[in-house]
Amino acid sequence: MAILAIDQGTTSTRGLLIKSSDPGKIVNFIEHRQFYPKPGWVEHDAEELIQNIQRCIEICDDLSVIGIDNQGESCLAWNRETKQAITPVIVWQDNRTQLTIDKLKSDNAQGVVLKKAGLPLDPYFSATKLGWIIENVPEAGKLLGQGKLGLGTTDAFFLDRLTGRFVTDISTASRTSLMNLQSGQWDEDLCDLFAVPLEALPEIVSTTGDFGVIMSNGCSIPVTASVVDQQAALYGHNCKNPGDAKITFGTGAFALVVTGHSPCQSARQGLLPTVAWQLEGQKPVYALDGGVFAAGSAVNWAQSLGLFTNYDQILQFPKNKKSAIERDLAFVPALSGLGCPHWDRKAGGLWIGLSLDTRQMDLMQSILEGIVFRAAEVIVAMNEFVSIRDEISIDGGLSANPYFCQFLSDVLNLQVTVQSSAELTALGTAKLAAGNGNGQNPGENLSRRYSPETDRQAYLQKFKDAVKRSEQWRCQ
């Protein structure tokens, strides 16, 4: 059985090919462009994304099934008749709708959205972006009147274009603020609140099942799984029981913990109840999600400033030197605002504790520690609601950094397990596409484990003081 998992992420599209007992290999890796047309706006070219997906498929022969994971909250509009995008993809990082969010908050809409969708009001989610399209793109209104408008997250566009199925899976729908978390269907009141026409939205279906077929190299290849990338990573980490948790350190840091077959409303902790997945014919599995907007992106930003040139420079720091936080140096990675559990898009990135003897490597040490502390804030909030196991599974670029991993273990006072595969998201997508329980178990190929060596939990409170100083810094 040959399975192709397509991981369509924020910065690239990857194709992971798995055959029989083969653990899988990346058959294509294609970066795509990022567009920043205005301050706070982040866009992708929808046609470029489609072409990259097609390129991943076309280089593979004798495929049995395909699974596709998506960016989650990124969305667009397209012509359902021609299948052509009429807008760019508005990326999850985009905050063009902050004024709309502020207006909804002033109108006391937060409680309704939390109750029905389980999500706070924030530009991160798709609803206000979709409403913005209706209000600002004349062609969208024209197509809506003709019954030809497709409106939704990127997965629905990919499937409609490639297979002719106008659907979205329940895990992706749960990230829009338009789906009722209890019913698993679009909520008419939420659609009215965000001015999103329900009739232009795709049908909500399970994560696995029949998503149609893609024609490639003269063959019809069934698509059997469609899922949000972070939920796919959760499955790839083999996190399936309540209390199983993972953190993926990519562009941002995304922590998820499985909670079971009932959604957990957790507004007090600032966590996001979400659908992890729904296997065909089974009940949905729910999770709590917490996102940190800047993780790997903060490190890349630091490199662009010239703080370091080679990643080997920041793998370790002198053992006879205290951590940055112990030396009263802290960095709050609020470069795109603060996500969970604060949800403050007006927060600003912050260094505090700078002195005349602060050097480049001190700044880098504080950046790595700041990302750890932000992830720890999320895990601590989760543990108040659902008991986290004594082990956290992690992946992503920063998981290759020994200092970062050990510091994370020390701050959480938990064992940190780094998975050997660098492609847990694609692997989870492949396992879902193959069927429940099939495919390689990543837990059998653990590469590194870190156990707490130094009690650093007390420094989390010191970091939280720095976070408070960064909050509400920006005027807009």
Protein backbone atom coordinates (compact mmCIF):
# COMPACT_ATOMS: atom_id res chain seq x y z
CA MET A 1 0.00 0.00 0.00
CA ALA A 2 1.48 3.35 -1.07
CA ILE A 3 0.25 6.34 0.93
CA LEU A 4 1.01 9.94 0.04
CA ALA A 5 0.54 12.45 2.84
CA ILE A 6 0.56 16.08 1.72
CA ASP A 7 1.43 18.53 4.47
CA GLN A 8 0.32 21.94 3.20
CA GLY A 9 1.77 24.26 5.83
CA THR A 10 2.36 27.94 6.42
CA THR A 11 5.69 28.14 4.62
CA SER A 12 5.89 25.01 2.47
CA THR A 13 4.18 21.98 0.99
CA ARG A 14 5.69 18.57 1.73
CA GLY A 15 4.90 15.17 0.29
CA LEU A 16 5.61 12.13 2.51
CA LEU A 17 5.45 8.77 0.71
CA ILE A 18 5.01 5.59 2.76
CA LYS A 19 5.12 2.12 1.24
CA SER A 20 4.31 -1.01 3.29
CA SER A 21 6.56 -1.03 6.37
CA ASP A 22 8.74 1.79 5.04
CA PRO A 23 8.79 4.63 7.64
CA GLY A 24 8.40 7.06 4.78
CA LYS A 25 10.45 9.56 2.87
CA ILE A 26 9.90 13.13 1.74
CA VAL A 27 9.43 13.02 -2.02
CA ASN A 28 8.99 16.75 -2.45
CA PHE A 29 9.49 19.91 -0.42
CA ILE A 30 8.34 23.16 -1.98
CA GLU A 31 8.46 26.52 -0.25
CA HIS A 32 5.92 29.13 -1.25
CA ARG A 33 5.94 32.89 -1.12
CA GLN A 34 4.68 34.99 1.78
CA PHE A 35 3.01 38.31 0.94
CA TYR A 36 2.65 41.25 3.33
CA PRO A 37 0.64 43.84 1.35
CA LYS A 38 -0.11 46.00 4.42
CA PRO A 39 1.04 46.05 8.05
CA GLY A 40 -0.55 43.07 9.82
CA TRP A 41 -1.70 41.44 6.57
CA VAL A 42 -0.31 38.03 5.60
CA GLU A 43 -1.31 36.31 2.35
CA HIS A 44 -0.51 33.33 0.13
CA ASP A 45 -1.17 32.81 -3.56
CA ALA A 46 -3.92 30.17 -3.72
CA GLU A 47 -2.88 29.04 -7.20
CA GLU A 48 0.71 28.57 -6.05
CA LEU A 49 -0.48 26.31 -3.22
CA ILE A 50 -2.60 24.21 -5.58
CA GLN A 51 0.29 23.85 -8.02
CA ASN A 52 2.61 22.71 -5.25
CA ILE A 53 0.12 20.07 -4.09
CA GLN A 54 -0.23 18.82 -7.64
CA ARG A 55 3.55 18.64 -8.05
CA CYS A 56 3.79 16.45 -4.95
CA ILE A 57 1.21 14.07 -6.41
CA GLU A 58 2.54 13.96 -9.96
CA ILE A 59 6.01 12.71 -9.04
CA CYS A 60 4.53 9.61 -7.35
CA ASP A 61 3.42 6.43 -9.12
CA ASP A 62 1.10 3.62 -8.00
CA LEU A 63 -0.46 5.51 -5.12
CA SER A 64 -3.18 3.74 -3.13
CA VAL A 65 -4.54 6.72 -1.17
CA ILE A 66 -3.82 10.38 -0.45
CA GLY A 67 -4.26 12.34 2.77
CA ILE A 68 -4.01 16.14 2.98
CA ASP A 69 -3.49 18.33 6.02
CA ASN A 70 -4.04 22.08 5.98
CA GLN A 71 -3.13 25.31 7.76
CA GLY A 72 -6.31 25.34 9.85
CA GLU A 73 -7.49 28.94 10.04
CA SER A 74 -6.23 30.24 6.67
CA CYS A 75 -9.11 30.92 4.28
CA LEU A 76 -10.22 32.37 0.93
CA ALA A 77 -13.04 32.70 -1.59
CA TRP A 78 -13.35 31.12 -5.02
CA ASN A 79 -15.71 30.62 -7.95
CA ARG A 80 -17.38 27.24 -7.51
CA GLU A 81 -18.12 27.00 -11.21
CA THR A 82 -14.61 27.72 -12.55
CA LYS A 83 -12.81 26.56 -9.34
CA GLN A 84 -10.60 29.67 -9.57
CA ALA A 85 -9.67 31.62 -6.44
CA ILE A 86 -11.01 35.18 -6.39
CA THR A 87 -8.95 36.23 -3.34
CA PRO A 88 -5.53 35.43 -1.98
CA VAL A 89 -5.38 33.04 0.96
CA ILE A 90 -5.72 35.14 4.12
CA VAL A 91 -3.27 33.41 6.46
CA TRP A 92 -3.94 32.55 10.10
CA GLN A 93 -1.28 35.10 11.17
CA ASP A 94 -3.21 37.94 9.47
CA ASN A 95 -4.81 40.49 11.82
CA ARG A 96 -6.58 42.81 9.36
CA THR A 97 -9.88 42.23 11.17
CA GLN A 98 -8.74 43.47 14.59
CA LEU A 99 -11.13 46.45 14.46
CA THR A 100 -14.01 44.07 13.74
CA ILE A 101 -12.96 41.97 16.71
CA ASP A 102 -12.84 45.06 18.93
CA LYS A 103 -16.34 46.05 17.80
CA LEU A 104 -17.71 42.56 18.51
CA LYS A 105 -16.15 42.62 21.96
CA SER A 106 -17.68 46.02 22.70
CA ASP A 107 -21.05 44.57 21.62
CA ASN A 108 -20.60 41.76 24.19
CA ALA A 109 -20.45 39.04 21.54
CA GLN A 110 -17.59 37.20 23.25
CA GLY A 111 -19.88 35.16 25.50
CA VAL A 112 -22.02 33.89 22.62
CA VAL A 113 -18.99 32.83 20.57
CA LEU A 114 -17.34 31.10 23.53
CA LYS A 115 -20.54 29.24 24.37
CA LYS A 116 -21.28 28.04 20.85
CA ALA A 117 -17.88 27.74 19.13
CA GLY A 118 -15.70 27.46 22.25
CA LEU A 119 -13.30 30.05 20.81
CA PRO A 120 -12.38 33.58 21.90
CA LEU A 121 -12.82 36.54 19.61
CA ASP A 122 -9.54 36.92 17.73
CA PRO A 123 -8.44 37.62 14.12
CA TYR A 124 -6.60 34.27 14.28
CA PHE A 125 -9.79 32.39 13.47
CA SER A 126 -11.46 32.32 10.06
CA ALA A 127 -14.86 33.88 10.75
CA THR A 128 -13.95 37.56 10.63
CA LYS A 129 -11.64 36.97 7.66
CA LEU A 130 -14.52 35.38 5.72
CA GLY A 131 -16.80 38.24 6.73
CA TRP A 132 -14.12 40.69 5.54
CA ILE A 133 -14.12 39.03 2.12
CA ILE A 134 -17.88 39.42 1.78
CA GLU A 135 -17.66 43.08 2.75
CA ASN A 136 -14.59 44.06 0.74
CA VAL A 137 -14.43 41.87 -2.39
CA PRO A 138 -17.16 42.88 -4.88
CA GLU A 139 -16.80 39.69 -6.90
CA ALA A 140 -17.64 37.65 -3.81
CA GLY A 141 -20.98 39.40 -3.49
CA LYS A 142 -21.67 38.93 -7.19
CA LEU A 143 -20.93 35.20 -7.07
CA LEU A 144 -22.98 34.83 -3.90
CA GLY A 145 -25.99 36.26 -5.69
CA GLN A 146 -25.45 33.77 -8.52
CA GLY A 147 -25.06 30.82 -6.13
CA LYS A 148 -21.47 30.27 -7.30
CA LEU A 149 -19.45 31.46 -4.30
CA GLY A 150 -17.17 29.09 -2.47
CA LEU A 151 -16.13 30.41 0.91
CA GLY A 152 -14.02 28.56 3.42
CA THR A 153 -10.69 27.32 4.66
CA THR A 154 -7.94 26.15 2.30
CA ASP A 155 -8.87 22.46 2.61
CA ALA A 156 -12.29 23.08 1.09
CA PHE A 157 -10.70 24.94 -1.83
CA PHE A 158 -8.14 22.16 -2.40
CA LEU A 159 -10.80 19.44 -2.38
CA ASP A 160 -13.29 21.34 -4.53
CA ARG A 161 -10.57 22.07 -7.09
CA LEU A 162 -8.90 18.64 -7.09
CA THR A 163 -11.78 16.21 -6.45
CA GLY A 164 -14.96 18.22 -6.99
CA ARG A 165 -16.07 17.66 -3.38
CA PHE A 166 -17.17 20.88 -1.66
CA VAL A 167 -16.54 19.72 1.92
CA THR A 168 -14.44 20.51 4.98
CA ASP A 169 -13.55 18.14 7.77
CA ILE A 170 -14.87 18.69 11.28
CA SER A 171 -11.43 19.43 12.78
CA THR A 172 -10.93 22.30 10.33
CA ALA A 173 -14.48 23.57 10.74
CA SER A 174 -13.95 23.72 14.50
CA ARG A 175 -11.24 26.37 13.89
CA THR A 176 -13.50 28.88 12.15
CA SER A 177 -15.68 30.22 15.04
CA LEU A 178 -18.67 29.33 12.84
CA MET A 179 -19.19 25.70 13.90
CA ASN A 180 -21.26 24.76 16.93
CA LEU A 181 -18.90 22.61 18.98
CA GLN A 182 -21.72 20.47 20.36
CA SER A 183 -23.55 19.72 17.11
CA GLY A 184 -20.54 19.64 14.77
CA GLN A 185 -22.46 21.73 12.22
CA TRP A 186 -22.44 25.33 11.06
CA ASP A 187 -24.31 27.55 13.52
CA GLU A 188 -26.79 29.97 11.96
CA ASP A 189 -26.45 32.49 14.80
CA LEU A 190 -22.65 32.54 14.50
CA CYS A 191 -22.82 32.94 10.73
CA ASP A 192 -25.20 35.88 11.18
CA LEU A 193 -22.96 37.42 13.85
CA PHE A 194 -19.89 37.34 11.59
CA ALA A 195 -21.88 38.20 8.43
CA VAL A 196 -20.83 34.98 6.70
CA PRO A 197 -23.44 33.47 4.34
CA LEU A 198 -24.01 29.89 5.47
CA GLU A 199 -25.05 28.84 1.95
CA ALA A 200 -21.53 29.60 0.65
CA LEU A 201 -19.83 27.32 3.19
CA PRO A 202 -18.84 23.69 2.48
CA GLU A 203 -20.49 20.67 4.04
CA ILE A 204 -18.88 19.46 7.28
CA VAL A 205 -17.80 15.81 7.18
CA SER A 206 -15.63 13.43 9.22
CA THR A 207 -11.82 13.54 9.06
CA THR A 208 -11.55 10.19 7.30
CA GLY A 209 -13.77 8.83 4.56
CA ASP A 210 -14.51 9.46 0.91
CA PHE A 211 -13.20 12.86 -0.23
CA GLY A 212 -13.34 11.99 -3.90
CA VAL A 213 -10.51 11.08 -6.28
CA ILE A 214 -7.62 12.97 -7.82
CA MET A 215 -6.55 12.16 -11.36
CA SER A 216 -2.78 11.88 -11.78
CA ASN A 217 -0.64 10.06 -14.34
CA GLY A 218 -3.77 8.46 -15.78
CA CYS A 219 -4.86 7.02 -12.43
CA SER A 220 -7.73 7.80 -10.06
CA ILE A 221 -6.35 8.13 -6.53
CA PRO A 222 -8.83 8.32 -3.64
CA VAL A 223 -8.41 11.01 -1.00
CA THR A 224 -9.27 9.37 2.33
CA ALA A 225 -8.25 11.94 4.97
CA SER A 226 -8.39 15.71 5.37
CA VAL A 227 -7.34 17.32 8.66
CA VAL A 228 -5.81 20.40 10.30
CA ASP A 229 -2.02 20.19 10.45
CA GLN A 230 -1.74 20.41 14.24
CA GLN A 231 -4.39 17.75 14.78
CA ALA A 232 -2.53 15.58 12.28
CA ALA A 233 0.64 16.09 14.32
CA LEU A 234 -1.23 15.04 17.47
CA TYR A 235 -2.21 11.80 15.74
CA GLY A 236 1.32 11.38 14.44
CA HIS A 237 2.66 11.65 17.98
CA ASN A 238 0.38 8.71 18.84
CA CYS A 239 -1.51 10.89 21.32
CA LYS A 240 -4.92 9.23 21.47
CA ASN A 241 -5.89 9.00 25.14
CA PRO A 242 -7.01 11.75 27.53
CA GLY A 243 -3.94 13.47 28.97
CA ASP A 244 -1.70 12.65 25.99
CA ALA A 245 -0.06 15.92 24.90
CA LYS A 246 2.31 17.19 22.24
CA ILE A 247 3.93 20.47 21.25
CA THR A 248 5.00 21.22 17.70
CA PHE A 249 7.62 23.97 17.51
CA GLY A 250 7.30 25.30 13.98
CA THR A 251 6.62 28.85 12.85
CA GLY A 252 4.61 29.08 16.05
CA ALA A 253 4.39 26.63 18.93
CA PHE A 254 1.19 24.60 19.08
CA ALA A 255 0.30 22.44 22.07
CA LEU A 256 -2.61 20.00 22.06
CA VAL A 257 -3.85 17.58 24.68
CA VAL A 258 -6.50 14.92 24.06
CA THR A 259 -9.57 15.32 26.29
CA GLY A 260 -11.89 12.52 25.07
CA HIS A 261 -15.31 12.37 23.42
CA SER A 262 -16.77 15.53 24.96
CA PRO A 263 -15.63 19.11 24.32
CA CYS A 264 -14.09 20.95 27.26
CA GLN A 265 -15.21 24.54 27.62
CA SER A 266 -12.18 26.31 29.09
CA ALA A 267 -12.62 30.05 28.69
CA ARG A 268 -11.04 30.74 32.09
CA GLN A 269 -7.72 29.22 31.03
CA GLY A 270 -7.74 30.87 27.61
CA LEU A 271 -7.50 27.45 25.97
CA LEU A 272 -9.28 26.41 22.80
CA PRO A 273 -11.57 23.40 22.81
CA THR A 274 -11.30 21.85 19.37
CA VAL A 275 -12.10 18.70 17.45
CA ALA A 276 -8.96 16.59 17.16
CA TRP A 277 -10.42 14.26 14.53
CA GLN A 278 -13.45 12.16 13.72
CA LEU A 279 -12.85 8.78 12.18
CA GLU A 280 -15.54 7.72 9.73
CA GLY A 281 -18.52 6.20 11.55
CA GLN A 282 -17.20 7.11 15.01
CA LYS A 283 -17.71 9.89 17.54
CA PRO A 284 -15.46 12.96 17.37
CA VAL A 285 -12.38 13.03 19.58
CA TYR A 286 -11.81 16.41 21.21
CA ALA A 287 -8.70 18.21 22.38
CA LEU A 288 -7.61 21.43 24.04
CA ASP A 289 -5.36 23.59 21.91
CA GLY A 290 -3.03 26.42 22.83
CA GLY A 291 -1.00 28.36 20.31
CA VAL A 292 2.10 30.56 20.72
CA PHE A 293 2.31 32.79 17.66
CA ALA A 294 6.11 33.13 17.49
CA ALA A 295 8.51 30.22 18.02
CA GLY A 296 10.72 29.29 15.07
CA SER A 297 9.77 32.61 13.49
CA ALA A 298 11.35 34.41 16.46
CA VAL A 299 14.61 32.51 15.97
CA ASN A 300 14.58 33.24 12.22
CA TRP A 301 13.93 36.91 12.98
CA ALA A 302 16.91 36.95 15.34
CA GLN A 303 19.10 35.43 12.63
CA SER A 304 17.95 38.12 10.18
CA LEU A 305 19.12 40.70 12.72
CA GLY A 306 22.57 39.11 12.76
CA LEU A 307 22.41 37.75 16.32
CA PHE A 308 23.77 34.45 14.98
CA THR A 309 24.74 33.04 11.60
CA ASN A 310 24.81 29.25 12.09
CA TYR A 311 22.32 27.22 14.10
CA ASP A 312 25.20 25.28 15.65
CA GLN A 313 26.03 28.47 17.57
CA ILE A 314 22.84 28.25 19.64
CA LEU A 315 22.67 24.53 20.41
CA GLN A 316 24.43 24.91 23.76
CA PHE A 317 25.58 27.67 26.08
CA PRO A 318 28.46 27.58 28.59
CA LYS A 319 27.56 25.25 31.46
CA ASN A 320 29.26 27.54 33.97
CA LYS A 321 26.95 30.38 32.93
CA LYS A 322 23.52 30.83 34.43
CA SER A 323 20.40 30.84 32.30
CA ALA A 324 19.31 34.21 30.95
CA ILE A 325 16.29 34.40 33.26
CA GLU A 326 18.53 33.74 36.27
CA ARG A 327 20.57 36.76 35.16
CA ASP A 328 17.33 38.82 35.03
CA LEU A 329 17.28 38.85 31.21
CA ALA A 330 13.99 37.87 29.63
CA PHE A 331 12.51 37.97 26.14
CA VAL A 332 8.76 37.89 25.50
CA PRO A 333 8.24 36.54 21.93
CA ALA A 334 5.10 38.61 21.29
CA LEU A 335 6.26 39.52 17.80
CA SER A 336 2.73 38.92 16.47
CA GLY A 337 1.00 39.53 19.77
CA LEU A 338 0.25 36.97 22.47
CA GLY A 339 -1.81 33.86 21.81
CA CYS A 340 -2.96 31.40 24.46
CA PRO A 341 -3.72 31.99 27.30
CA HIS A 342 -3.58 35.81 26.96
CA TRP A 343 -5.13 36.49 23.52
CA ASP A 344 -3.67 39.97 23.22
CA ARG A 345 -2.82 40.98 19.65
CA LYS A 346 -1.71 44.41 20.91
CA ALA A 347 1.10 42.94 23.00
CA GLY A 348 4.60 43.76 21.77
CA GLY A 349 7.79 41.75 21.68
CA LEU A 350 9.96 42.69 24.62
CA TRP A 351 13.47 42.34 26.01
CA ILE A 352 13.81 43.32 29.64
CA GLY A 353 16.95 43.24 31.77
CA LEU A 354 19.37 44.51 29.11
CA SER A 355 22.66 45.91 30.37
CA LEU A 356 25.96 47.14 28.95
CA ASP A 357 27.46 43.67 29.21
CA THR A 358 24.60 41.94 27.32
CA ARG A 359 25.98 40.18 24.25
CA GLN A 360 24.46 38.53 21.18
CA MET A 361 24.52 35.02 22.65
CA ASP A 362 22.83 36.31 25.81
CA LEU A 363 20.01 37.64 23.65
CA MET A 364 19.75 34.32 21.81
CA GLN A 365 19.65 32.40 25.07
CA SER A 366 16.82 34.62 26.28
CA ILE A 367 14.90 34.09 23.02
CA LEU A 368 15.05 30.30 23.35
CA GLU A 369 14.03 30.53 27.00
CA GLY A 370 11.20 32.93 26.18
CA ILE A 371 9.71 30.46 23.70
CA VAL A 372 9.97 27.73 26.34
CA PHE A 373 8.24 29.89 28.95
CA ARG A 374 5.40 30.76 26.56
CA ALA A 375 4.88 27.07 25.76
CA ALA A 376 5.00 26.29 29.48
CA GLU A 377 2.27 28.87 30.14
CA VAL A 378 0.03 26.90 27.79
CA ILE A 379 0.85 23.50 29.30
CA VAL A 380 0.32 24.77 32.86
CA ALA A 381 -3.07 26.15 31.83
CA MET A 382 -3.99 22.80 30.25
CA ASN A 383 -2.96 20.89 33.36
CA GLU A 384 -5.48 22.88 35.40
CA PHE A 385 -8.22 21.44 33.23
CA VAL A 386 -7.08 17.96 32.25
CA SER A 387 -4.32 15.97 33.93
CA ILE A 388 -1.27 15.96 31.65
CA ARG A 389 0.76 12.76 31.66
CA ASP A 390 4.30 12.90 33.04
CA GLU A 391 5.67 13.08 29.49
CA ILE A 392 5.37 15.69 26.73
CA SER A 393 6.06 14.65 23.13
CA ILE A 394 7.58 17.37 20.94
CA ASP A 395 8.65 17.90 17.35
CA GLY A 396 9.52 20.72 14.97
CA GLY A 397 12.70 22.62 14.21
CA LEU A 398 13.47 23.75 17.75
CA SER A 399 13.26 20.17 19.03
CA ALA A 400 16.71 19.66 17.48
CA ASN A 401 18.19 22.13 19.98
CA PRO A 402 19.50 20.34 23.13
CA TYR A 403 19.55 23.49 25.28
CA PHE A 404 15.97 24.30 24.33
CA CYS A 405 14.72 20.76 25.07
CA GLN A 406 16.49 20.50 28.42
CA PHE A 407 15.24 23.93 29.48
CA LEU A 408 11.70 22.90 28.53
CA SER A 409 11.97 19.73 30.65
CA ASP A 410 13.30 21.75 33.59
CA VAL A 411 10.59 24.43 33.42
CA LEU A 412 7.75 21.89 33.05
CA ASN A 413 9.32 19.40 35.47
CA LEU A 414 8.26 16.71 33.01
CA GLN A 415 10.04 14.29 30.72
CA VAL A 416 10.34 15.70 27.21
CA THR A 417 10.43 13.17 24.39
CA VAL A 418 11.72 14.24 20.99
CA GLN A 419 10.39 12.09 18.19
CA SER A 420 12.89 10.74 15.68
CA SER A 421 10.75 11.65 12.69
CA ALA A 422 10.88 15.25 11.57
CA GLU A 423 7.55 14.81 9.77
CA LEU A 424 5.04 13.99 12.51
CA THR A 425 2.34 16.10 10.85
CA ALA A 426 2.63 14.27 7.54
CA LEU A 427 2.97 10.93 9.35
CA GLY A 428 -0.26 11.55 11.26
CA THR A 429 -1.99 12.45 8.01
CA ALA A 430 -0.71 9.23 6.42
CA LYS A 431 -1.93 7.13 9.34
CA LEU A 432 -5.37 8.73 9.13
CA ALA A 433 -5.47 8.16 5.37
CA ALA A 434 -4.49 4.51 5.78
CA GLY A 435 -7.10 3.82 8.45
CA ASN A 436 -7.21 3.86 12.24
CA GLY A 437 -4.24 2.08 13.78
CA ASN A 438 -2.42 1.48 10.51
CA GLY A 439 1.00 2.83 9.66
CA GLN A 440 4.18 3.21 11.66
CA ASN A 441 3.89 3.92 15.37
CA PRO A 442 6.21 6.87 16.03
CA GLY A 443 6.47 5.86 19.67
CA GLU A 444 8.61 2.92 18.61
CA ASN A 445 11.38 5.14 17.23
CA LEU A 446 12.10 7.68 19.95
CA SER A 447 15.35 9.51 19.40
CA ARG A 448 15.97 11.54 22.57
CA ARG A 449 14.52 11.97 26.03
CA TYR A 450 15.18 14.80 28.45
CA SER A 451 14.47 14.49 32.16
CA PRO A 452 14.39 17.44 34.57
CA GLU A 453 17.85 18.31 35.87
CA THR A 454 17.30 21.72 37.47
CA ASP A 455 14.11 23.02 39.05
CA ARG A 456 13.25 26.08 37.00
CA GLN A 457 9.49 26.17 37.65
CA ALA A 458 9.80 29.21 39.91
CA TYR A 459 11.19 31.28 37.03
CA LEU A 460 7.91 30.95 35.15
CA GLN A 461 6.37 33.47 37.53
CA LYS A 462 9.23 35.89 36.85
CA PHE A 463 8.62 35.49 33.13
CA LYS A 464 4.92 36.17 33.62
CA ASP A 465 5.86 39.54 35.11
CA ALA A 466 7.69 40.35 31.86
CA VAL A 467 4.64 39.26 29.88
CA LYS A 468 2.44 41.70 31.78
CA ARG A 469 4.79 44.52 30.79
CA SER A 470 4.37 43.62 27.10
CA GLU A 471 0.57 43.53 27.12
CA GLN A 472 -1.52 46.12 25.27
CA TRP A 473 1.66 47.89 24.09
CA ARG A 474 0.54 48.63 20.54
CA CYS A 475 -2.10 51.27 19.96
CA GLN A 476 -3.65 49.38 17.02
